[in-house]
Amino acid sequence: MNKKQYIEGTSKKQAELLDKFILNFDDLGEDFGNQDRNSLKLFKLEEQTINVKSFKVPNLVNQIAYKFFRKSKAQRSFEYANILKEKGIGTPQPIAYYEFSTPFAFKNSYYISEQLDCELTYRELCHDLNYPNHEVILRGFTRFTFELHEKHINFLDHSPGNTLIKKAGSDYKYYLVDLNRMEFGPMDFETRMKNFGRLTTHKSMIQIMSDEYAKCSGDDSEKVFQAMWQYTEAFQARFQRKQRLKKKLKFWKK
C-alpha cells in the first residue's frame, strides 16, 4: 500500500505521532460524533486535541477516479480549509492529510484538523426554536453566509450540522466543517438563494434569514424570502422522494 501525506507546521515528534494515529486508527483514539458515513476520532497531540476524519473507501469507479483524475476528499478538505483561512472565514485549523492507494486504485484517506469546542451547531437552532438568543444567532449565521457569498465561496454542503457556533463574549463566531465540497467564484442571486435550501424546514427561520440577507445585500426582502423558500421546498420535495424510494427498496429486499 502506498502512502501519501502532507503535514503542515508540526515538529518531527508530532509528525511521528500523527503517523502512529493514522496507522493504528482502528485501535486508538476516541470516537466523536456521528459515525454513519465516515469515522471521526479525537487524539491528543501533546497538549493539543486533534480531530481525525477517516473517509470510507470509495466505490470501484471512484477508486480509479481518485487515483488518477481527482483530488481526494481529504486533500480537498485540507486545501479548502487553507483557502478559508486566507479569506478570513472560520474553520478549525488544518493540520495534515493522508492518502493510501495501490498502484491502480485509491483506497482511503484521512483529514486532520484541530478540535474546536463549541456551544452548538446550526442544527440546534432547527430543533429548538426557543434556544436562547435564537434570532440573534440566526441573523449572525445569515451574515456569515452572506460573507461567504461575497468572498466567492459556494459551500455546497451548507447543511445544519456543518456550521459550528461558538460564543465570544456577547457575540457569536461561526466555523465551517465537512469541507470537501466547495466551488469558488462569483455567485449570482439564484445560486446564493439555493445555498440556503438545505438548512431548515421552518418557514419562520427562512423569514428571519431572508430579512437579514436582504439587509446585507440591498435586495428586496420579499424577493429574497420567496427565492429562499422556493429552494427550501424544492430540496424538501427531493428529500422526501428519496426517503419514499428507500422505503420501497427496503420492502422489496425483505
C-alpha atoms as a PDB file:
ATOM      1  CA  MET A   1       0.000   0.000   0.000  1.00  0.00           C
ATOM      2  CA  ASN A   2       1.391   3.386  -0.994  1.00  0.00           C
ATOM      3  CA  LYS A   3       1.133   6.266   1.487  1.00  0.00           C
ATOM      4  CA  LYS A   4       0.966   9.964   0.624  1.00  0.00           C
ATOM      5  CA  GLN A   5       0.935  12.583   3.356  1.00  0.00           C
ATOM      6  CA  TYR A   6       1.169  16.318   3.811  1.00  0.00           C
ATOM      7  CA  ILE A   7       1.768  17.696   7.306  1.00  0.00           C
ATOM      8  CA  GLU A   8       1.806  21.424   7.950  1.00  0.00           C
ATOM      9  CA  GLY A   9       3.771  23.197  10.673  1.00  0.00           C
ATOM     10  CA  THR A  10       4.450  20.271  13.028  1.00  0.00           C
ATOM     11  CA  SER A  11       7.620  19.072  14.714  1.00  0.00           C
ATOM     12  CA  LYS A  12       9.262  15.762  13.843  1.00  0.00           C
ATOM     13  CA  LYS A  13       7.929  14.295  17.096  1.00  0.00           C
ATOM     14  CA  GLN A  14       4.389  15.412  16.266  1.00  0.00           C
ATOM     15  CA  ALA A  15       4.711  14.005  12.734  1.00  0.00           C
ATOM     16  CA  GLU A  16       5.720  10.655  14.203  1.00  0.00           C
ATOM     17  CA  LEU A  17       2.672  10.750  16.483  1.00  0.00           C
ATOM     18  CA  LEU A  18       0.386  11.544  13.543  1.00  0.00           C
ATOM     19  CA  ASP A  19       1.795   8.562  11.669  1.00  0.00           C
ATOM     20  CA  LYS A  20       1.074   6.386  14.703  1.00  0.00           C
ATOM     21  CA  PHE A  21      -2.509   7.654  14.965  1.00  0.00           C
ATOM     22  CA  ILE A  22      -3.253   7.052  11.282  1.00  0.00           C
ATOM     23  CA  LEU A  23      -1.576   3.654  11.024  1.00  0.00           C
ATOM     24  CA  ASN A  24      -3.416   2.474  14.168  1.00  0.00           C
ATOM     25  CA  PHE A  25      -6.625   4.408  13.604  1.00  0.00           C
ATOM     26  CA  ASP A  26      -8.977   1.488  14.331  1.00  0.00           C
ATOM     27  CA  ASP A  27      -7.401   0.770  17.728  1.00  0.00           C
ATOM     28  CA  LEU A  28      -6.532   4.238  19.054  1.00  0.00           C
ATOM     29  CA  GLY A  29      -8.406   7.476  19.669  1.00  0.00           C
ATOM     30  CA  GLU A  30     -11.838   8.381  20.996  1.00  0.00           C
ATOM     31  CA  ASP A  31     -14.929   8.159  18.781  1.00  0.00           C
ATOM     32  CA  PHE A  32     -16.513  11.549  18.198  1.00  0.00           C
ATOM     33  CA  GLY A  33     -19.877  12.480  16.702  1.00  0.00           C
ATOM     34  CA  ASN A  34     -21.860  10.615  14.073  1.00  0.00           C
ATOM     35  CA  GLN A  35     -20.050   7.559  12.674  1.00  0.00           C
ATOM     36  CA  ASP A  36     -22.599   6.629   9.975  1.00  0.00           C
ATOM     37  CA  ARG A  37     -20.854   7.913   6.841  1.00  0.00           C
ATOM     38  CA  ASN A  38     -17.247   8.457   7.896  1.00  0.00           C
ATOM     39  CA  SER A  39     -15.340   7.829  11.118  1.00  0.00           C
ATOM     40  CA  LEU A  40     -14.316  10.717  13.361  1.00  0.00           C
ATOM     41  CA  LYS A  41     -11.895  10.316  16.259  1.00  0.00           C
ATOM     42  CA  LEU A  42     -10.164  12.587  18.740  1.00  0.00           C
ATOM     43  CA  PHE A  43      -6.489  12.217  19.660  1.00  0.00           C
ATOM     44  CA  LYS A  44      -4.119  14.067  21.990  1.00  0.00           C
ATOM     45  CA  LEU A  45      -1.207  15.572  20.077  1.00  0.00           C
ATOM     46  CA  GLU A  46       0.937  16.605  23.042  1.00  0.00           C
ATOM     47  CA  GLU A  47      -1.129  19.447  24.609  1.00  0.00           C
ATOM     48  CA  GLN A  48      -3.494  19.756  21.672  1.00  0.00           C
ATOM     49  CA  THR A  49      -6.671  17.792  20.897  1.00  0.00           C
ATOM     50  CA  ILE A  50      -6.971  16.964  17.215  1.00  0.00           C
ATOM     51  CA  ASN A  51      -9.841  15.678  15.091  1.00  0.00           C
ATOM     52  CA  VAL A  52      -9.112  12.919  12.554  1.00  0.00           C
ATOM     53  CA  LYS A  53     -11.705  12.185   9.882  1.00  0.00           C
ATOM     54  CA  SER A  54     -11.383   8.839   8.117  1.00  0.00           C
ATOM     55  CA  PHE A  55     -13.156   8.772   4.750  1.00  0.00           C
ATOM     56  CA  LYS A  56     -14.640   5.471   3.640  1.00  0.00           C
ATOM     57  CA  VAL A  57     -13.049   3.521   0.806  1.00  0.00           C
ATOM     58  CA  PRO A  58     -14.912   4.763  -2.311  1.00  0.00           C
ATOM     59  CA  ASN A  59     -16.671   2.550  -4.835  1.00  0.00           C
ATOM     60  CA  LEU A  60     -14.644   0.975  -7.630  1.00  0.00           C
ATOM     61  CA  VAL A  61     -15.283   3.759 -10.152  1.00  0.00           C
ATOM     62  CA  ASN A  62     -14.191   6.436  -7.680  1.00  0.00           C
ATOM     63  CA  GLN A  63     -11.168   4.397  -6.636  1.00  0.00           C
ATOM     64  CA  ILE A  64      -9.935   4.827 -10.199  1.00  0.00           C
ATOM     65  CA  ALA A  65     -11.046   8.472 -10.382  1.00  0.00           C
ATOM     66  CA  TYR A  66      -9.329   9.474  -7.129  1.00  0.00           C
ATOM     67  CA  LYS A  67      -6.197   7.558  -8.074  1.00  0.00           C
ATOM     68  CA  PHE A  68      -5.686   9.178 -11.472  1.00  0.00           C
ATOM     69  CA  PHE A  69      -8.035  12.117 -12.083  1.00  0.00           C
ATOM     70  CA  ARG A  70      -9.422  13.765  -8.941  1.00  0.00           C
ATOM     71  CA  LYS A  71      -8.136  15.057  -5.634  1.00  0.00           C
ATOM     72  CA  SER A  72      -9.223  13.002  -2.638  1.00  0.00           C
ATOM     73  CA  LYS A  73     -11.784  14.287  -0.151  1.00  0.00           C
ATOM     74  CA  ALA A  74      -9.024  14.564   2.441  1.00  0.00           C
ATOM     75  CA  GLN A  75      -6.790  16.656   0.191  1.00  0.00           C
ATOM     76  CA  ARG A  76      -9.682  18.909  -0.840  1.00  0.00           C
ATOM     77  CA  SER A  77     -10.690  19.366   2.809  1.00  0.00           C
ATOM     78  CA  PHE A  78      -7.140  20.387   3.701  1.00  0.00           C
ATOM     79  CA  GLU A  79      -6.720  22.751   0.766  1.00  0.00           C
ATOM     80  CA  TYR A  80     -10.165  24.314   1.144  1.00  0.00           C
ATOM     81  CA  ALA A  81      -9.547  24.882   4.865  1.00  0.00           C
ATOM     82  CA  ASN A  82      -6.431  26.848   3.997  1.00  0.00           C
ATOM     83  CA  ILE A  83      -8.343  28.884   1.412  1.00  0.00           C
ATOM     84  CA  LEU A  84     -10.999  29.689   4.027  1.00  0.00           C
ATOM     85  CA  LYS A  85      -8.298  30.750   6.472  1.00  0.00           C
ATOM     86  CA  GLU A  86      -6.726  33.012   3.837  1.00  0.00           C
ATOM     87  CA  LYS A  87     -10.120  34.619   3.201  1.00  0.00           C
ATOM     88  CA  GLY A  88     -10.785  35.182   6.903  1.00  0.00           C
ATOM     89  CA  ILE A  89     -13.520  32.541   7.213  1.00  0.00           C
ATOM     90  CA  GLY A  90     -13.730  30.471  10.384  1.00  0.00           C
ATOM     91  CA  THR A  91     -12.832  26.778  10.219  1.00  0.00           C
ATOM     92  CA  PRO A  92     -10.817  24.502  12.545  1.00  0.00           C
ATOM     93  CA  GLN A  93      -7.079  24.829  11.922  1.00  0.00           C
ATOM     94  CA  PRO A  94      -5.961  22.317   9.238  1.00  0.00           C
ATOM     95  CA  ILE A  95      -3.008  20.135  10.224  1.00  0.00           C
ATOM     96  CA  ALA A  96      -2.497  17.322   7.706  1.00  0.00           C
ATOM     97  CA  TYR A  97      -3.975  14.808   5.306  1.00  0.00           C
ATOM     98  CA  TYR A  98      -3.034  11.220   4.478  1.00  0.00           C
ATOM     99  CA  GLU A  99      -3.885   9.028   1.497  1.00  0.00           C
ATOM    100  CA  PHE A 100      -3.417   5.297   0.870  1.00  0.00           C
ATOM    101  CA  SER A 101      -3.570   3.581  -2.516  1.00  0.00           C
ATOM    102  CA  THR A 102      -2.377   0.625  -4.543  1.00  0.00           C
ATOM    103  CA  PRO A 103      -0.620   1.114  -7.906  1.00  0.00           C
ATOM    104  CA  PHE A 104      -4.003   1.031  -9.672  1.00  0.00           C
ATOM    105  CA  ALA A 105      -6.652   2.154  -7.168  1.00  0.00           C
ATOM    106  CA  PHE A 106      -7.251   4.702  -4.449  1.00  0.00           C
ATOM    107  CA  LYS A 107      -8.253   3.292  -1.053  1.00  0.00           C
ATOM    108  CA  ASN A 108      -8.773   5.504   1.989  1.00  0.00           C
ATOM    109  CA  SER A 109      -7.827   8.949   3.225  1.00  0.00           C
ATOM    110  CA  TYR A 110      -7.711  10.980   6.441  1.00  0.00           C
ATOM    111  CA  TYR A 111      -8.094  14.681   7.166  1.00  0.00           C
ATOM    112  CA  ILE A 112      -6.610  16.036  10.399  1.00  0.00           C
ATOM    113  CA  SER A 113      -7.564  19.353  11.997  1.00  0.00           C
ATOM    114  CA  GLU A 114      -7.596  20.996  15.375  1.00  0.00           C
ATOM    115  CA  GLN A 115     -10.584  20.017  17.518  1.00  0.00           C
ATOM    116  CA  LEU A 116     -12.786  23.059  18.091  1.00  0.00           C
ATOM    117  CA  ASP A 117     -15.060  23.003  21.122  1.00  0.00           C
ATOM    118  CA  CYS A 118     -18.282  24.919  20.519  1.00  0.00           C
ATOM    119  CA  GLU A 119     -21.594  25.625  22.211  1.00  0.00           C
ATOM    120  CA  LEU A 120     -23.824  24.447  19.372  1.00  0.00           C
ATOM    121  CA  THR A 121     -24.225  23.855  15.655  1.00  0.00           C
ATOM    122  CA  TYR A 122     -26.830  25.360  13.357  1.00  0.00           C
ATOM    123  CA  ARG A 123     -28.793  22.117  13.809  1.00  0.00           C
ATOM    124  CA  GLU A 124     -29.749  23.054  17.386  1.00  0.00           C
ATOM    125  CA  LEU A 125     -31.454  26.193  16.040  1.00  0.00           C
ATOM    126  CA  CYS A 126     -33.670  23.956  13.883  1.00  0.00           C
ATOM    127  CA  HIS A 127     -34.526  21.578  16.726  1.00  0.00           C
ATOM    128  CA  ASP A 128     -35.211  24.231  19.374  1.00  0.00           C
ATOM    129  CA  LEU A 129     -36.859  27.434  18.173  1.00  0.00           C
ATOM    130  CA  ASN A 130     -36.729  28.708  21.767  1.00  0.00           C
ATOM    131  CA  TYR A 131     -32.965  28.318  22.082  1.00  0.00           C
ATOM    132  CA  PRO A 132     -31.537  31.331  23.996  1.00  0.00           C
ATOM    133  CA  ASN A 133     -30.733  34.213  21.620  1.00  0.00           C
ATOM    134  CA  HIS A 134     -32.135  32.148  18.756  1.00  0.00           C
ATOM    135  CA  GLU A 135     -32.847  35.083  16.454  1.00  0.00           C
ATOM    136  CA  VAL A 136     -29.556  36.823  17.264  1.00  0.00           C
ATOM    137  CA  ILE A 137     -27.590  33.666  16.416  1.00  0.00           C
ATOM    138  CA  LEU A 138     -29.636  33.030  13.265  1.00  0.00           C
ATOM    139  CA  ARG A 139     -29.108  36.566  11.985  1.00  0.00           C
ATOM    140  CA  GLY A 140     -25.397  36.246  12.720  1.00  0.00           C
ATOM    141  CA  PHE A 141     -25.322  32.986  10.764  1.00  0.00           C
ATOM    142  CA  THR A 142     -27.029  34.727   7.845  1.00  0.00           C
ATOM    143  CA  ARG A 143     -24.428  37.496   7.842  1.00  0.00           C
ATOM    144  CA  PHE A 144     -21.745  34.800   7.939  1.00  0.00           C
ATOM    145  CA  THR A 145     -23.298  33.133   4.881  1.00  0.00           C
ATOM    146  CA  PHE A 146     -23.504  36.491   3.099  1.00  0.00           C
ATOM    147  CA  GLU A 147     -19.786  36.956   3.819  1.00  0.00           C
ATOM    148  CA  LEU A 148     -19.097  33.553   2.215  1.00  0.00           C
ATOM    149  CA  HIS A 149     -21.001  34.615  -0.888  1.00  0.00           C
ATOM    150  CA  GLU A 150     -19.283  37.995  -1.091  1.00  0.00           C
ATOM    151  CA  LYS A 151     -15.921  36.241  -0.882  1.00  0.00           C
ATOM    152  CA  HIS A 152     -16.957  33.909  -3.733  1.00  0.00           C
ATOM    153  CA  ILE A 153     -17.276  30.774  -1.581  1.00  0.00           C
ATOM    154  CA  ASN A 154     -20.089  28.402  -2.509  1.00  0.00           C
ATOM    155  CA  PHE A 155     -20.187  25.856   0.316  1.00  0.00           C
ATOM    156  CA  LEU A 156     -22.054  23.009  -1.352  1.00  0.00           C
ATOM    157  CA  ASP A 157     -22.600  21.126   1.938  1.00  0.00           C
ATOM    158  CA  HIS A 158     -24.233  24.111   3.655  1.00  0.00           C
ATOM    159  CA  SER A 159     -26.441  21.930   5.871  1.00  0.00           C
ATOM    160  CA  PRO A 160     -27.457  22.037   9.574  1.00  0.00           C
ATOM    161  CA  GLY A 161     -24.543  20.062  11.049  1.00  0.00           C
ATOM    162  CA  ASN A 162     -21.746  21.763   9.134  1.00  0.00           C
ATOM    163  CA  THR A 163     -21.537  25.129  10.888  1.00  0.00           C
ATOM    164  CA  LEU A 164     -20.130  25.201  14.415  1.00  0.00           C
ATOM    165  CA  ILE A 165     -21.182  28.153  16.564  1.00  0.00           C
ATOM    166  CA  LYS A 166     -19.066  29.444  19.422  1.00  0.00           C
ATOM    167  CA  LYS A 167     -19.962  32.191  21.871  1.00  0.00           C
ATOM    168  CA  ALA A 168     -17.405  35.002  22.012  1.00  0.00           C
ATOM    169  CA  GLY A 169     -18.329  37.452  24.750  1.00  0.00           C
ATOM    170  CA  SER A 170     -21.706  38.889  23.782  1.00  0.00           C
ATOM    171  CA  ASP A 171     -21.203  37.840  20.143  1.00  0.00           C
ATOM    172  CA  TYR A 172     -21.058  34.538  18.234  1.00  0.00           C
ATOM    173  CA  LYS A 173     -18.474  33.161  15.818  1.00  0.00           C
ATOM    174  CA  TYR A 174     -19.167  30.665  13.047  1.00  0.00           C
ATOM    175  CA  TYR A 175     -16.910  27.905  11.701  1.00  0.00           C
ATOM    176  CA  LEU A 176     -17.369  25.622   8.684  1.00  0.00           C
ATOM    177  CA  VAL A 177     -16.632  21.891   8.846  1.00  0.00           C
ATOM    178  CA  ASP A 178     -17.001  18.997   6.364  1.00  0.00           C
ATOM    179  CA  LEU A 179     -15.189  20.994   3.725  1.00  0.00           C
ATOM    180  CA  ASN A 180     -14.575  18.676   0.768  1.00  0.00           C
ATOM    181  CA  ARG A 181     -17.325  20.105  -1.490  1.00  0.00           C
ATOM    182  CA  MET A 182     -16.866  23.761  -2.434  1.00  0.00           C
ATOM    183  CA  GLU A 183     -16.815  25.946  -5.502  1.00  0.00           C
ATOM    184  CA  PHE A 184     -15.074  29.295  -5.790  1.00  0.00           C
ATOM    185  CA  GLY A 185     -16.181  32.170  -7.957  1.00  0.00           C
ATOM    186  CA  PRO A 186     -18.810  34.931  -8.222  1.00  0.00           C
ATOM    187  CA  MET A 187     -22.308  33.788  -7.253  1.00  0.00           C
ATOM    188  CA  ASP A 188     -25.468  35.153  -8.859  1.00  0.00           C
ATOM    189  CA  PHE A 189     -28.681  35.735  -6.901  1.00  0.00           C
ATOM    190  CA  GLU A 190     -30.207  32.328  -7.652  1.00  0.00           C
ATOM    191  CA  THR A 191     -27.053  30.442  -6.642  1.00  0.00           C
ATOM    192  CA  ARG A 192     -26.913  32.389  -3.386  1.00  0.00           C
ATOM    193  CA  MET A 193     -30.533  31.607  -2.571  1.00  0.00           C
ATOM    194  CA  LYS A 194     -30.133  27.938  -3.497  1.00  0.00           C
ATOM    195  CA  ASN A 195     -27.316  27.773  -0.925  1.00  0.00           C
ATOM    196  CA  PHE A 196     -29.950  28.177   1.823  1.00  0.00           C
ATOM    197  CA  GLY A 197     -32.142  25.337   0.534  1.00  0.00           C
ATOM    198  CA  ARG A 198     -30.856  22.551   2.807  1.00  0.00           C
ATOM    199  CA  LEU A 199     -30.764  24.469   6.080  1.00  0.00           C
ATOM    200  CA  THR A 200     -34.221  24.232   7.635  1.00  0.00           C
ATOM    201  CA  THR A 201     -37.834  23.212   7.166  1.00  0.00           C
ATOM    202  CA  HIS A 202     -39.108  26.085   9.347  1.00  0.00           C
ATOM    203  CA  LYS A 203     -40.698  28.947   7.455  1.00  0.00           C
ATOM    204  CA  SER A 204     -40.153  31.233  10.442  1.00  0.00           C
ATOM    205  CA  MET A 205     -36.390  30.715  10.184  1.00  0.00           C
ATOM    206  CA  ILE A 206     -36.452  31.433   6.452  1.00  0.00           C
ATOM    207  CA  GLN A 207     -38.348  34.662   7.178  1.00  0.00           C
ATOM    208  CA  ILE A 208     -35.636  35.807   9.589  1.00  0.00           C
ATOM    209  CA  MET A 209     -32.740  34.740   7.340  1.00  0.00           C
ATOM    210  CA  SER A 210     -34.264  36.339   4.241  1.00  0.00           C
ATOM    211  CA  ASP A 211     -34.867  39.588   6.133  1.00  0.00           C
ATOM    212  CA  GLU A 212     -31.251  39.695   7.353  1.00  0.00           C
ATOM    213  CA  TYR A 213     -29.815  38.703   3.956  1.00  0.00           C
ATOM    214  CA  ALA A 214     -31.835  41.452   2.268  1.00  0.00           C
ATOM    215  CA  LYS A 215     -30.412  43.978   4.727  1.00  0.00           C
ATOM    216  CA  CYS A 216     -26.885  42.803   3.836  1.00  0.00           C
ATOM    217  CA  SER A 217     -27.363  42.619   0.067  1.00  0.00           C
ATOM    218  CA  GLY A 218     -29.748  45.502  -0.540  1.00  0.00           C
ATOM    219  CA  ASP A 219     -32.169  43.206  -2.382  1.00  0.00           C
ATOM    220  CA  ASP A 220     -35.917  43.396  -1.872  1.00  0.00           C
ATOM    221  CA  SER A 221     -36.778  41.372   1.258  1.00  0.00           C
ATOM    222  CA  GLU A 222     -39.876  39.756  -0.284  1.00  0.00           C
ATOM    223  CA  LYS A 223     -37.885  38.707  -3.347  1.00  0.00           C
ATOM    224  CA  VAL A 224     -35.239  37.143  -1.102  1.00  0.00           C
ATOM    225  CA  PHE A 225     -37.842  35.355   1.011  1.00  0.00           C
ATOM    226  CA  GLN A 226     -39.692  33.914  -1.995  1.00  0.00           C
ATOM    227  CA  ALA A 227     -36.456  32.618  -3.529  1.00  0.00           C
ATOM    228  CA  MET A 228     -35.163  31.086  -0.276  1.00  0.00           C
ATOM    229  CA  TRP A 229     -38.481  29.409   0.431  1.00  0.00           C
ATOM    230  CA  GLN A 230     -38.755  28.121  -3.153  1.00  0.00           C
ATOM    231  CA  TYR A 231     -35.362  26.385  -2.907  1.00  0.00           C
ATOM    232  CA  THR A 232     -36.173  25.084   0.575  1.00  0.00           C
ATOM    233  CA  GLU A 233     -39.426  23.500  -0.642  1.00  0.00           C
ATOM    234  CA  ALA A 234     -37.698  22.066  -3.723  1.00  0.00           C
ATOM    235  CA  PHE A 235     -34.980  20.438  -1.616  1.00  0.00           C
ATOM    236  CA  GLN A 236     -37.517  19.003   0.840  1.00  0.00           C
ATOM    237  CA  ALA A 237     -39.579  17.561  -2.022  1.00  0.00           C
ATOM    238  CA  ARG A 238     -36.480  15.812  -3.435  1.00  0.00           C
ATOM    239  CA  PHE A 239     -35.542  14.578   0.026  1.00  0.00           C
ATOM    240  CA  GLN A 240     -38.994  13.122   0.658  1.00  0.00           C
ATOM    241  CA  ARG A 241     -38.973  11.361  -2.730  1.00  0.00           C
ATOM    242  CA  LYS A 242     -35.632   9.750  -1.871  1.00  0.00           C
ATOM    243  CA  GLN A 243     -36.964   8.632   1.518  1.00  0.00           C
ATOM    244  CA  ARG A 244     -40.016   7.027  -0.070  1.00  0.00           C
ATOM    245  CA  LEU A 245     -37.801   5.263  -2.624  1.00  0.00           C
ATOM    246  CA  LYS A 246     -35.537   3.940   0.162  1.00  0.00           C
ATOM    247  CA  LYS A 247     -38.558   2.537   1.990  1.00  0.00           C
ATOM    248  CA  LYS A 248     -39.745   0.773  -1.164  1.00  0.00           C
ATOM    249  CA  LEU A 249     -36.292  -0.708  -1.759  1.00  0.00           C
ATOM    250  CA  LYS A 250     -36.115  -1.949   1.841  1.00  0.00           C
ATOM    251  CA  PHE A 251     -39.580  -3.516   1.432  1.00  0.00           C
ATOM    252  CA  TRP A 252     -38.573  -5.387  -1.741  1.00  0.00           C
ATOM    253  CA  LYS A 253     -35.297  -6.552  -0.201  1.00  0.00           C
ATOM    254  CA  LYS A 254     -37.293  -8.185   2.597  1.00  0.00           C
END
